[in-house]
Amino acid sequence: MKELDVVKLKKEFNGLSIGTEGTIVWEYDGSYFEVEFFDMNGDTIDVFTTPADVLDLAK
């Protein structure tokens, strides 16, 4: 995964449901990413530092 990839959660994280999508806005070290999560309307929910093990690339 890299910056600007669209990802989705494969586990619940910080109160967000499985499947919530976001965009990687910063890669720290390959094991953590800053991700801007958004809702079904494309509105930003929040930005979280997110471990790689809870993310999958969105299709």
Protein backbone atom coordinates (compact mmCIF):
# COMPACT_ATOMS: atom_id res chain seq x y z
CA MET A 1 0.00 0.00 0.00
CA LYS A 2 1.16 3.53 -0.71
CA GLU A 3 0.03 7.13 -0.50
CA LEU A 4 -3.23 7.92 -2.32
CA ASP A 5 -4.33 4.26 -2.42
CA VAL A 6 -7.99 3.75 -1.52
CA VAL A 7 -8.27 1.24 1.31
CA LYS A 8 -11.01 -0.36 3.39
CA LEU A 9 -11.09 -1.67 6.94
CA LYS A 10 -10.99 -5.44 7.36
CA LYS A 11 -11.54 -5.10 11.14
CA GLU A 12 -13.40 -2.57 13.28
CA PHE A 13 -11.08 0.31 14.17
CA ASN A 14 -11.58 3.47 16.27
CA GLY A 15 -15.36 3.05 16.16
CA LEU A 16 -15.44 2.58 12.36
CA SER A 17 -17.13 -0.49 10.87
CA ILE A 18 -15.56 -3.19 8.74
CA GLY A 19 -15.62 -2.05 5.10
CA THR A 20 -15.29 1.69 5.82
CA GLU A 21 -13.17 3.19 3.04
CA GLY A 22 -10.48 5.82 3.14
CA THR A 23 -7.48 7.20 1.32
CA ILE A 24 -3.90 6.89 2.53
CA VAL A 25 -2.56 10.42 2.90
CA TRP A 26 0.80 9.55 4.50
CA GLU A 27 2.90 6.42 4.92
CA TYR A 28 4.96 6.29 8.09
CA ASP A 29 7.01 3.10 7.83
CA GLY A 30 4.93 0.53 5.96
CA SER A 31 3.26 -0.65 9.14
CA TYR A 32 1.26 2.52 9.89
CA PHE A 33 -0.56 4.91 7.59
CA GLU A 34 -2.41 8.18 8.05
CA VAL A 35 -5.81 7.47 6.49
CA GLU A 36 -8.65 9.89 5.75
CA PHE A 37 -11.82 7.84 6.14
CA PHE A 38 -15.00 8.86 4.32
CA ASP A 39 -18.69 7.93 4.32
CA MET A 40 -20.88 6.71 1.45
CA ASN A 41 -21.37 10.34 0.30
CA GLY A 42 -17.63 10.95 0.12
CA ASP A 43 -17.65 13.21 3.19
CA THR A 44 -14.71 12.93 5.58
CA ILE A 45 -15.45 11.05 8.80
CA ASP A 46 -12.02 11.54 10.39
CA VAL A 47 -8.29 11.03 9.88
CA PHE A 48 -6.54 8.33 11.92
CA THR A 49 -3.07 6.82 12.17
CA THR A 50 -4.00 3.27 11.18
CA PRO A 51 -2.01 0.04 11.42
CA ALA A 52 -1.53 -1.83 8.14
CA ASP A 53 -2.98 -5.06 9.60
CA VAL A 54 -6.51 -3.59 9.67
CA LEU A 55 -6.40 -2.37 6.03
CA ASP A 56 -6.98 -3.94 2.62
CA LEU A 57 -6.81 -2.25 -0.76
CA ALA A 58 -10.31 -1.33 -1.94
CA LYS A 59 -11.36 -2.76 -5.30
